[in-house]
Amino acid sequence: MNQKIIAVVYHSGYGHTEKLAEYIALGVAQVDGVTGVLLSVEAMDWDILAASDVIIMGCPTYMGSASAPFKAFMDASSKVWLQQGWQGKLAAGFTNSGGLSGDKLAVLMQIQLFAMQHGMLWVGMPLQPTGTNPDDLNRMASYMGLMAQSDNAPAEFTPPSGDLKTAAWFGEYVAKTALRWQ
């Protein structure tokens, strides 16, 4: 069996979303048969995305929408879209905001719509919440993708442990899904 490549593409304004991306990559690394690659939208490698079997995309939620640098990445993919270069790849999404809601669902829907326009197949997050406390898994009860919340503090202190554990769970789940998708 060939090694599956999973790209985790992200924008992070203050380091919180980058931390989530790193934990997603840690979850991916728990699965044999896959290789995870972290890619910031500010240092994009389109060849890696072309070679990837899965693209997990994430950004902060700013004013109820994807961050401007992430949106610029989406817009820059128009040549890939024209050739349907990502058609049939798996896709998943994640976002983070300072507020508990912050309208994160709108950003996950924006990322999912972007993936659908590229002909990608969406992988959600079927993890039942274990509660609503900062140490709980999927405390935001999100099923479309990963939602996390960061307090107004440096990234070394937030997102909370439950959100980081959820990110690792999500990365592992997407990697296992990729292996099932032949």
N, C-alpha and C. Protein backbone atom coordinates (compact mmCIF):
# COMPACT_ATOMS: atom_id res chain seq x y z
N MET A 1 0.85 -1.18 0.00
CA MET A 1 0.00 0.00 0.00
C MET A 1 0.90 1.24 0.00
N ASN A 2 0.55 2.22 -0.83
CA ASN A 2 1.29 3.47 -0.87
C ASN A 2 1.00 4.32 0.35
N GLN A 3 2.00 5.07 0.77
CA GLN A 3 1.85 6.00 1.88
C GLN A 3 0.89 7.12 1.47
N LYS A 4 -0.11 7.39 2.28
CA LYS A 4 -1.04 8.49 2.04
C LYS A 4 -0.41 9.78 2.55
N ILE A 5 -0.61 10.87 1.84
CA ILE A 5 -0.10 12.17 2.25
C ILE A 5 -1.27 13.03 2.68
N ILE A 6 -1.17 13.57 3.89
CA ILE A 6 -2.20 14.45 4.43
C ILE A 6 -1.57 15.80 4.69
N ALA A 7 -2.05 16.81 3.97
CA ALA A 7 -1.58 18.18 4.16
C ALA A 7 -2.52 18.89 5.13
N VAL A 8 -1.94 19.55 6.11
CA VAL A 8 -2.70 20.38 7.04
C VAL A 8 -2.36 21.83 6.69
N VAL A 9 -3.29 22.49 6.01
CA VAL A 9 -3.09 23.84 5.51
C VAL A 9 -3.78 24.81 6.46
N TYR A 10 -3.06 25.84 6.89
CA TYR A 10 -3.65 26.74 7.89
C TYR A 10 -3.13 28.16 7.74
N HIS A 11 -3.92 29.07 8.28
CA HIS A 11 -3.46 30.43 8.57
C HIS A 11 -3.67 30.64 10.05
N SER A 12 -2.74 31.32 10.68
CA SER A 12 -2.84 31.61 12.09
C SER A 12 -2.37 33.04 12.34
N GLY A 13 -3.25 33.86 12.86
CA GLY A 13 -2.90 35.26 13.11
C GLY A 13 -2.04 35.45 14.34
N TYR A 14 -2.29 34.67 15.40
CA TYR A 14 -1.61 34.89 16.67
C TYR A 14 -0.99 33.61 17.25
N GLY A 15 -1.01 32.52 16.48
CA GLY A 15 -0.40 31.28 16.93
C GLY A 15 -1.37 30.23 17.45
N HIS A 16 -2.61 30.63 17.76
CA HIS A 16 -3.57 29.68 18.32
C HIS A 16 -3.99 28.63 17.29
N THR A 17 -4.28 29.06 16.07
CA THR A 17 -4.72 28.14 15.04
C THR A 17 -3.56 27.28 14.56
N GLU A 18 -2.36 27.84 14.56
CA GLU A 18 -1.17 27.05 14.23
C GLU A 18 -0.99 25.91 15.24
N LYS A 19 -1.23 26.20 16.50
CA LYS A 19 -1.14 25.18 17.55
C LYS A 19 -2.15 24.06 17.29
N LEU A 20 -3.37 24.42 16.90
CA LEU A 20 -4.36 23.39 16.54
C LEU A 20 -3.87 22.55 15.37
N ALA A 21 -3.32 23.21 14.36
CA ALA A 21 -2.79 22.50 13.19
C ALA A 21 -1.70 21.52 13.60
N GLU A 22 -0.84 21.93 14.51
CA GLU A 22 0.23 21.04 15.00
C GLU A 22 -0.36 19.83 15.71
N TYR A 23 -1.41 20.03 16.50
CA TYR A 23 -2.03 18.90 17.20
C TYR A 23 -2.77 17.99 16.23
N ILE A 24 -3.37 18.55 15.20
CA ILE A 24 -3.97 17.72 14.16
C ILE A 24 -2.90 16.86 13.52
N ALA A 25 -1.76 17.46 13.20
CA ALA A 25 -0.64 16.72 12.60
C ALA A 25 -0.12 15.64 13.55
N LEU A 26 -0.13 15.91 14.86
CA LEU A 26 0.26 14.88 15.83
C LEU A 26 -0.69 13.69 15.77
N GLY A 27 -1.98 13.96 15.64
CA GLY A 27 -2.96 12.89 15.50
C GLY A 27 -2.75 12.10 14.23
N VAL A 28 -2.47 12.79 13.13
CA VAL A 28 -2.18 12.12 11.85
C VAL A 28 -0.99 11.19 12.02
N ALA A 29 0.03 11.65 12.73
CA ALA A 29 1.26 10.88 12.90
C ALA A 29 1.06 9.59 13.71
N GLN A 30 -0.07 9.46 14.40
CA GLN A 30 -0.36 8.25 15.18
C GLN A 30 -0.78 7.08 14.30
N VAL A 31 -1.00 7.34 13.02
CA VAL A 31 -1.55 6.31 12.13
C VAL A 31 -0.47 5.86 11.16
N ASP A 32 -0.19 4.55 11.13
CA ASP A 32 0.76 4.00 10.17
C ASP A 32 0.17 4.09 8.77
N GLY A 33 1.02 4.35 7.81
CA GLY A 33 0.58 4.39 6.42
C GLY A 33 0.25 5.78 5.91
N VAL A 34 0.43 6.80 6.76
CA VAL A 34 0.17 8.17 6.34
C VAL A 34 1.35 9.06 6.73
N THR A 35 1.52 10.11 5.97
CA THR A 35 2.52 11.14 6.27
C THR A 35 1.81 12.47 6.33
N GLY A 36 2.01 13.19 7.40
CA GLY A 36 1.40 14.51 7.55
C GLY A 36 2.39 15.61 7.22
N VAL A 37 1.88 16.66 6.57
CA VAL A 37 2.70 17.81 6.21
C VAL A 37 1.96 19.07 6.65
N LEU A 38 2.61 19.92 7.43
CA LEU A 38 2.04 21.20 7.84
C LEU A 38 2.41 22.27 6.82
N LEU A 39 1.43 23.03 6.36
CA LEU A 39 1.67 24.10 5.39
C LEU A 39 0.94 25.37 5.81
N SER A 40 1.69 26.41 6.04
CA SER A 40 1.08 27.71 6.28
C SER A 40 0.70 28.32 4.94
N VAL A 41 -0.42 29.02 4.88
CA VAL A 41 -0.82 29.64 3.62
C VAL A 41 0.17 30.72 3.18
N GLU A 42 0.96 31.22 4.12
CA GLU A 42 1.95 32.23 3.77
C GLU A 42 3.19 31.63 3.12
N ALA A 43 3.36 30.33 3.20
CA ALA A 43 4.51 29.63 2.57
C ALA A 43 3.97 28.41 1.82
N MET A 44 3.04 28.64 0.92
CA MET A 44 2.31 27.56 0.25
C MET A 44 3.20 26.81 -0.74
N ASP A 45 3.06 25.49 -0.72
CA ASP A 45 3.73 24.62 -1.69
C ASP A 45 2.63 23.88 -2.45
N TRP A 46 2.28 24.39 -3.61
CA TRP A 46 1.18 23.83 -4.41
C TRP A 46 1.49 22.41 -4.87
N ASP A 47 2.78 22.07 -5.04
CA ASP A 47 3.14 20.71 -5.45
C ASP A 47 2.79 19.69 -4.36
N ILE A 48 2.98 20.07 -3.09
CA ILE A 48 2.61 19.17 -2.00
C ILE A 48 1.09 18.95 -2.00
N LEU A 49 0.34 20.02 -2.22
CA LEU A 49 -1.12 19.87 -2.26
C LEU A 49 -1.55 18.98 -3.42
N ALA A 50 -0.87 19.11 -4.55
CA ALA A 50 -1.20 18.26 -5.72
C ALA A 50 -0.93 16.79 -5.41
N ALA A 51 0.11 16.52 -4.63
CA ALA A 51 0.47 15.14 -4.31
C ALA A 51 -0.32 14.57 -3.14
N SER A 52 -1.00 15.43 -2.39
CA SER A 52 -1.72 14.99 -1.19
C SER A 52 -2.99 14.22 -1.53
N ASP A 53 -3.30 13.26 -0.68
CA ASP A 53 -4.56 12.52 -0.77
C ASP A 53 -5.66 13.21 0.01
N VAL A 54 -5.25 13.97 1.03
CA VAL A 54 -6.18 14.65 1.93
C VAL A 54 -5.64 16.05 2.19
N ILE A 55 -6.56 17.02 2.24
CA ILE A 55 -6.19 18.38 2.63
C ILE A 55 -7.11 18.79 3.77
N ILE A 56 -6.52 18.97 4.95
CA ILE A 56 -7.25 19.47 6.12
C ILE A 56 -6.94 20.96 6.20
N MET A 57 -7.99 21.79 6.16
CA MET A 57 -7.80 23.23 6.06
C MET A 57 -8.37 23.94 7.27
N GLY A 58 -7.65 24.96 7.74
CA GLY A 58 -8.15 25.69 8.88
C GLY A 58 -7.61 27.10 8.98
N CYS A 59 -8.38 27.91 9.68
CA CYS A 59 -8.01 29.31 9.90
C CYS A 59 -8.79 29.84 11.10
N PRO A 60 -8.37 30.99 11.59
CA PRO A 60 -9.17 31.61 12.64
C PRO A 60 -10.47 32.16 12.07
N THR A 61 -11.44 32.29 12.93
CA THR A 61 -12.69 32.97 12.56
C THR A 61 -12.53 34.42 12.96
N TYR A 62 -12.53 35.29 11.96
CA TYR A 62 -12.45 36.73 12.19
C TYR A 62 -13.74 37.36 11.69
N MET A 63 -14.46 38.00 12.57
CA MET A 63 -15.68 38.71 12.20
C MET A 63 -16.66 37.79 11.46
N GLY A 64 -16.74 36.53 11.90
CA GLY A 64 -17.69 35.57 11.33
C GLY A 64 -17.30 35.03 9.98
N SER A 65 -16.04 35.17 9.60
CA SER A 65 -15.59 34.71 8.29
C SER A 65 -14.17 34.18 8.39
N ALA A 66 -13.72 33.53 7.31
CA ALA A 66 -12.34 33.08 7.23
C ALA A 66 -11.40 34.29 7.24
N SER A 67 -10.23 34.12 7.80
CA SER A 67 -9.25 35.20 7.81
C SER A 67 -8.84 35.58 6.38
N ALA A 68 -8.44 36.81 6.19
CA ALA A 68 -8.08 37.30 4.85
C ALA A 68 -6.95 36.50 4.21
N PRO A 69 -5.87 36.15 4.93
CA PRO A 69 -4.84 35.34 4.28
C PRO A 69 -5.34 33.96 3.85
N PHE A 70 -6.26 33.37 4.62
CA PHE A 70 -6.81 32.08 4.21
C PHE A 70 -7.70 32.25 2.98
N LYS A 71 -8.48 33.32 2.97
CA LYS A 71 -9.32 33.60 1.80
C LYS A 71 -8.44 33.84 0.57
N ALA A 72 -7.29 34.49 0.74
CA ALA A 72 -6.37 34.69 -0.39
C ALA A 72 -5.87 33.35 -0.92
N PHE A 73 -5.60 32.40 -0.01
CA PHE A 73 -5.22 31.04 -0.43
C PHE A 73 -6.35 30.42 -1.25
N MET A 74 -7.58 30.55 -0.76
CA MET A 74 -8.72 29.99 -1.48
C MET A 74 -8.80 30.60 -2.88
N ASP A 75 -8.68 31.91 -2.96
CA ASP A 75 -8.76 32.59 -4.26
C ASP A 75 -7.61 32.17 -5.18
N ALA A 76 -6.43 31.97 -4.61
CA ALA A 76 -5.26 31.59 -5.41
C ALA A 76 -5.37 30.18 -5.98
N SER A 77 -6.31 29.39 -5.47
CA SER A 77 -6.47 28.01 -5.95
C SER A 77 -7.31 27.93 -7.22
N SER A 78 -7.67 29.05 -7.80
CA SER A 78 -8.58 29.04 -8.96
C SER A 78 -8.00 28.28 -10.16
N LYS A 79 -6.69 28.29 -10.33
CA LYS A 79 -6.10 27.53 -11.45
C LYS A 79 -6.22 26.03 -11.18
N VAL A 80 -6.08 25.63 -9.93
CA VAL A 80 -6.28 24.23 -9.56
C VAL A 80 -7.75 23.85 -9.80
N TRP A 81 -8.65 24.75 -9.40
CA TRP A 81 -10.08 24.52 -9.59
C TRP A 81 -10.41 24.34 -11.07
N LEU A 82 -9.85 25.18 -11.92
CA LEU A 82 -10.13 25.12 -13.34
C LEU A 82 -9.79 23.75 -13.92
N GLN A 83 -8.73 23.15 -13.42
CA GLN A 83 -8.29 21.82 -13.88
C GLN A 83 -8.90 20.70 -13.03
N GLN A 84 -9.67 21.05 -12.00
CA GLN A 84 -10.22 20.09 -11.04
C GLN A 84 -9.12 19.18 -10.49
N GLY A 85 -8.01 19.82 -10.14
CA GLY A 85 -6.83 19.10 -9.65
C GLY A 85 -6.99 18.44 -8.30
N TRP A 86 -7.97 18.87 -7.53
CA TRP A 86 -8.18 18.26 -6.22
C TRP A 86 -9.42 17.37 -6.20
N GLN A 87 -10.03 17.15 -7.34
CA GLN A 87 -11.24 16.35 -7.41
C GLN A 87 -10.98 14.95 -6.86
N GLY A 88 -11.85 14.49 -5.96
CA GLY A 88 -11.74 13.16 -5.39
C GLY A 88 -10.86 13.07 -4.16
N LYS A 89 -10.13 14.13 -3.83
CA LYS A 89 -9.33 14.13 -2.60
C LYS A 89 -10.28 14.29 -1.41
N LEU A 90 -9.85 13.81 -0.27
CA LEU A 90 -10.61 14.05 0.95
C LEU A 90 -10.27 15.43 1.49
N ALA A 91 -11.24 16.06 2.15
CA ALA A 91 -11.05 17.38 2.75
C ALA A 91 -11.69 17.39 4.13
N ALA A 92 -11.15 18.21 5.00
CA ALA A 92 -11.71 18.42 6.33
C ALA A 92 -11.34 19.83 6.75
N GLY A 93 -12.02 20.34 7.81
CA GLY A 93 -11.77 21.71 8.20
C GLY A 93 -11.75 21.93 9.70
N PHE A 94 -11.11 23.03 10.07
CA PHE A 94 -11.04 23.43 11.48
C PHE A 94 -10.95 24.94 11.60
N THR A 95 -11.41 25.45 12.72
CA THR A 95 -11.35 26.89 12.97
C THR A 95 -11.28 27.16 14.46
N ASN A 96 -10.90 28.36 14.78
CA ASN A 96 -10.68 28.79 16.15
C ASN A 96 -11.10 30.25 16.26
N SER A 97 -11.68 30.61 17.40
CA SER A 97 -11.99 32.02 17.63
C SER A 97 -11.87 32.32 19.11
N GLY A 98 -11.90 33.60 19.43
CA GLY A 98 -11.82 34.01 20.83
C GLY A 98 -13.12 33.76 21.57
N GLY A 99 -14.24 33.84 20.88
CA GLY A 99 -15.54 33.63 21.52
C GLY A 99 -15.94 32.17 21.48
N LEU A 100 -16.80 31.78 22.40
CA LEU A 100 -17.27 30.40 22.42
C LEU A 100 -18.00 30.06 21.13
N SER A 101 -18.80 31.00 20.62
CA SER A 101 -19.43 30.79 19.32
C SER A 101 -18.57 31.45 18.25
N GLY A 102 -18.52 32.75 18.29
CA GLY A 102 -17.70 33.47 17.33
C GLY A 102 -18.14 33.25 15.89
N ASP A 103 -19.28 32.61 15.70
CA ASP A 103 -19.77 32.27 14.37
C ASP A 103 -18.82 31.34 13.61
N LYS A 104 -18.21 30.42 14.35
CA LYS A 104 -17.28 29.45 13.75
C LYS A 104 -17.96 28.55 12.72
N LEU A 105 -19.23 28.24 12.91
CA LEU A 105 -19.93 27.38 11.96
C LEU A 105 -19.89 27.99 10.56
N ALA A 106 -20.00 29.31 10.48
CA ALA A 106 -19.96 29.97 9.17
C ALA A 106 -18.63 29.71 8.47
N VAL A 107 -17.56 29.69 9.22
CA VAL A 107 -16.24 29.45 8.62
C VAL A 107 -16.10 28.00 8.18
N LEU A 108 -16.56 27.06 9.00
CA LEU A 108 -16.52 25.66 8.56
C LEU A 108 -17.36 25.47 7.30
N MET A 109 -18.50 26.13 7.23
CA MET A 109 -19.32 26.03 6.02
C MET A 109 -18.60 26.66 4.83
N GLN A 110 -17.89 27.74 5.05
CA GLN A 110 -17.13 28.39 3.99
C GLN A 110 -16.03 27.47 3.47
N ILE A 111 -15.32 26.81 4.37
CA ILE A 111 -14.27 25.89 3.97
C ILE A 111 -14.87 24.67 3.27
N GLN A 112 -15.98 24.17 3.80
CA GLN A 112 -16.62 23.02 3.17
C GLN A 112 -17.11 23.36 1.76
N LEU A 113 -17.71 24.51 1.58
CA LEU A 113 -18.16 24.93 0.25
C LEU A 113 -16.98 25.04 -0.71
N PHE A 114 -15.89 25.60 -0.23
CA PHE A 114 -14.66 25.69 -1.03
C PHE A 114 -14.21 24.30 -1.48
N ALA A 115 -14.21 23.34 -0.55
CA ALA A 115 -13.82 21.97 -0.88
C ALA A 115 -14.77 21.35 -1.90
N MET A 116 -16.06 21.60 -1.73
CA MET A 116 -17.05 21.06 -2.67
C MET A 116 -16.85 21.63 -4.07
N GLN A 117 -16.51 22.91 -4.16
CA GLN A 117 -16.26 23.51 -5.47
C GLN A 117 -15.07 22.85 -6.16
N HIS A 118 -14.14 22.36 -5.37
CA HIS A 118 -12.98 21.66 -5.91
C HIS A 118 -13.28 20.18 -6.19
N GLY A 119 -14.49 19.73 -5.90
CA GLY A 119 -14.84 18.34 -6.15
C GLY A 119 -14.29 17.39 -5.10
N MET A 120 -13.99 17.92 -3.91
CA MET A 120 -13.43 17.11 -2.83
C MET A 120 -14.55 16.44 -2.04
N LEU A 121 -14.18 15.46 -1.24
CA LEU A 121 -15.11 14.69 -0.42
C LEU A 121 -14.87 15.06 1.04
N TRP A 122 -15.91 15.52 1.72
CA TRP A 122 -15.77 16.08 3.06
C TRP A 122 -15.79 15.01 4.14
N VAL A 123 -14.87 15.15 5.09
CA VAL A 123 -14.81 14.29 6.27
C VAL A 123 -15.19 15.15 7.48
N GLY A 124 -16.25 14.79 8.14
CA GLY A 124 -16.69 15.51 9.33
C GLY A 124 -16.01 15.00 10.58
N MET A 125 -16.59 15.31 11.73
CA MET A 125 -16.01 14.89 13.01
C MET A 125 -17.09 14.22 13.86
N PRO A 126 -17.24 12.90 13.75
CA PRO A 126 -18.29 12.20 14.50
C PRO A 126 -17.87 11.85 15.93
N LEU A 127 -17.51 12.87 16.68
CA LEU A 127 -17.08 12.66 18.07
C LEU A 127 -18.13 13.26 19.00
N GLN A 128 -18.73 12.41 19.82
CA GLN A 128 -19.72 12.89 20.78
C GLN A 128 -19.01 13.75 21.84
N PRO A 129 -19.58 14.88 22.20
CA PRO A 129 -18.97 15.70 23.25
C PRO A 129 -18.93 14.95 24.57
N THR A 130 -17.84 15.16 25.32
CA THR A 130 -17.76 14.56 26.64
C THR A 130 -18.20 15.54 27.73
N GLY A 131 -18.54 16.75 27.33
CA GLY A 131 -18.98 17.80 28.25
C GLY A 131 -18.72 19.15 27.63
N THR A 132 -18.83 20.20 28.44
CA THR A 132 -18.64 21.56 27.93
C THR A 132 -17.51 22.31 28.63
N ASN A 133 -16.74 21.61 29.42
CA ASN A 133 -15.63 22.24 30.13
C ASN A 133 -14.38 22.28 29.26
N PRO A 134 -13.43 23.15 29.56
CA PRO A 134 -12.23 23.29 28.75
C PRO A 134 -11.41 22.01 28.56
N ASP A 135 -11.57 21.04 29.46
CA ASP A 135 -10.82 19.78 29.34
C ASP A 135 -11.60 18.71 28.58
N ASP A 136 -12.82 19.00 28.20
CA ASP A 136 -13.66 18.00 27.52
C ASP A 136 -13.37 17.94 26.03
N LEU A 137 -13.62 16.76 25.46
CA LEU A 137 -13.48 16.58 24.01
C LEU A 137 -14.71 17.12 23.29
N ASN A 138 -14.48 17.73 22.15
CA ASN A 138 -15.53 18.30 21.30
C ASN A 138 -16.55 19.08 22.12
N ARG A 139 -16.05 19.92 23.00
CA ARG A 139 -16.93 20.67 23.91
C ARG A 139 -17.85 21.64 23.18
N MET A 140 -17.55 21.96 21.92
CA MET A 140 -18.40 22.85 21.13
C MET A 140 -19.48 22.07 20.38
N ALA A 141 -19.44 20.73 20.48
CA ALA A 141 -20.41 19.85 19.83
C ALA A 141 -20.47 20.12 18.33
N SER A 142 -19.31 20.20 17.70
CA SER A 142 -19.24 20.43 16.26
C SER A 142 -19.06 19.10 15.54
N TYR A 143 -19.82 18.91 14.49
CA TYR A 143 -19.74 17.68 13.72
C TYR A 143 -19.26 17.92 12.30
N MET A 144 -19.33 19.15 11.82
CA MET A 144 -18.88 19.47 10.47
C MET A 144 -17.36 19.48 10.40
N GLY A 145 -16.73 19.83 11.48
CA GLY A 145 -15.28 19.88 11.56
C GLY A 145 -14.89 20.30 12.97
N LEU A 146 -13.63 20.60 13.16
CA LEU A 146 -13.11 20.95 14.48
C LEU A 146 -13.34 22.42 14.78
N MET A 147 -13.93 22.69 15.93
CA MET A 147 -14.06 24.05 16.45
C MET A 147 -13.29 24.13 17.75
N ALA A 148 -12.55 25.22 17.91
CA ALA A 148 -11.82 25.45 19.15
C ALA A 148 -12.00 26.91 19.56
N GLN A 149 -11.70 27.18 20.82
CA GLN A 149 -11.84 28.53 21.36
C GLN A 149 -10.59 28.89 22.13
N SER A 150 -10.04 30.04 21.83
CA SER A 150 -8.85 30.52 22.53
C SER A 150 -9.19 31.79 23.28
N ASP A 151 -8.85 31.79 24.56
CA ASP A 151 -9.01 33.02 25.33
C ASP A 151 -8.05 34.07 24.81
N ASN A 152 -8.26 35.29 25.22
CA ASN A 152 -7.38 36.37 24.82
C ASN A 152 -6.08 36.27 25.63
N ALA A 153 -5.27 35.29 25.24
CA ALA A 153 -4.02 35.00 25.94
C ALA A 153 -3.02 34.47 24.91
N PRO A 154 -1.74 34.50 25.22
CA PRO A 154 -0.76 33.94 24.29
C PRO A 154 -1.04 32.47 23.99
N ALA A 155 -0.62 32.03 22.81
CA ALA A 155 -0.89 30.66 22.35
C ALA A 155 -0.28 29.61 23.26
N GLU A 156 0.71 29.95 24.05
CA GLU A 156 1.27 28.95 24.97
C GLU A 156 0.28 28.55 26.06
N PHE A 157 -0.76 29.37 26.30
CA PHE A 157 -1.75 29.09 27.34
C PHE A 157 -3.10 28.64 26.82
N THR A 158 -3.33 28.76 25.54
CA THR A 158 -4.65 28.47 24.97
C THR A 158 -4.48 28.11 23.50
N PRO A 159 -5.28 27.31 22.87
CA PRO A 159 -6.54 26.73 23.29
C PRO A 159 -6.38 25.75 24.47
N PRO A 160 -7.48 25.49 25.17
CA PRO A 160 -7.41 24.60 26.33
C PRO A 160 -7.13 23.15 25.94
N SER A 161 -6.77 22.37 26.92
CA SER A 161 -6.33 20.99 26.69
C SER A 161 -7.39 20.14 25.97
N GLY A 162 -8.65 20.34 26.29
CA GLY A 162 -9.70 19.55 25.62
C GLY A 162 -9.76 19.83 24.13
N ASP A 163 -9.59 21.08 23.75
CA ASP A 163 -9.60 21.43 22.32
C ASP A 163 -8.37 20.84 21.62
N LEU A 164 -7.24 20.83 22.29
CA LEU A 164 -6.02 20.25 21.71
C LEU A 164 -6.14 18.73 21.58
N LYS A 165 -6.73 18.09 22.59
CA LYS A 165 -6.96 16.64 22.51
C LYS A 165 -7.96 16.33 21.39
N THR A 166 -8.95 17.19 21.23
CA THR A 166 -9.92 17.00 20.15
C THR A 166 -9.22 17.15 18.80
N ALA A 167 -8.31 18.09 18.68
CA ALA A 167 -7.57 18.29 17.43
C ALA A 167 -6.76 17.04 17.09
N ALA A 168 -6.08 16.45 18.09
CA ALA A 168 -5.32 15.23 17.84
C ALA A 168 -6.25 14.09 17.44
N TRP A 169 -7.39 13.98 18.12
CA TRP A 169 -8.38 12.95 17.78
C TRP A 169 -8.84 13.14 16.33
N PHE A 170 -9.12 14.37 15.95
CA PHE A 170 -9.59 14.69 14.61
C PHE A 170 -8.54 14.30 13.55
N GLY A 171 -7.28 14.65 13.79
CA GLY A 171 -6.22 14.28 12.85
C GLY A 171 -6.11 12.78 12.68
N GLU A 172 -6.19 12.06 13.79
CA GLU A 172 -6.13 10.60 13.72
C GLU A 172 -7.34 10.03 12.98
N TYR A 173 -8.51 10.58 13.25
CA TYR A 173 -9.73 10.10 12.58
C TYR A 173 -9.65 10.33 11.07
N VAL A 174 -9.22 11.50 10.65
CA VAL A 174 -9.12 11.79 9.22
C VAL A 174 -8.09 10.87 8.58
N ALA A 175 -6.97 10.62 9.26
CA ALA A 175 -5.95 9.71 8.72
C ALA A 175 -6.49 8.30 8.55
N LYS A 176 -7.21 7.81 9.54
CA LYS A 176 -7.81 6.47 9.44
C LYS A 176 -8.85 6.42 8.32
N THR A 177 -9.58 7.50 8.15
CA THR A 177 -10.55 7.58 7.05
C THR A 177 -9.84 7.52 5.70
N ALA A 178 -8.72 8.22 5.60
CA ALA A 178 -7.94 8.22 4.36
C ALA A 178 -7.48 6.80 3.98
N LEU A 179 -7.11 6.02 4.98
CA LEU A 179 -6.67 4.64 4.71
C LEU A 179 -7.83 3.76 4.25
N ARG A 180 -9.02 4.09 4.73
CA ARG A 180 -10.21 3.31 4.29
C ARG A 180 -10.62 3.69 2.87
N TRP A 181 -10.25 4.88 2.44
CA TRP A 181 -10.64 5.39 1.13
C TRP A 181 -9.57 5.03 0.10
N GLN A 182 -9.78 3.98 -0.63
CA GLN A 182 -8.77 3.52 -1.60
C GLN A 182 -9.16 3.92 -3.00
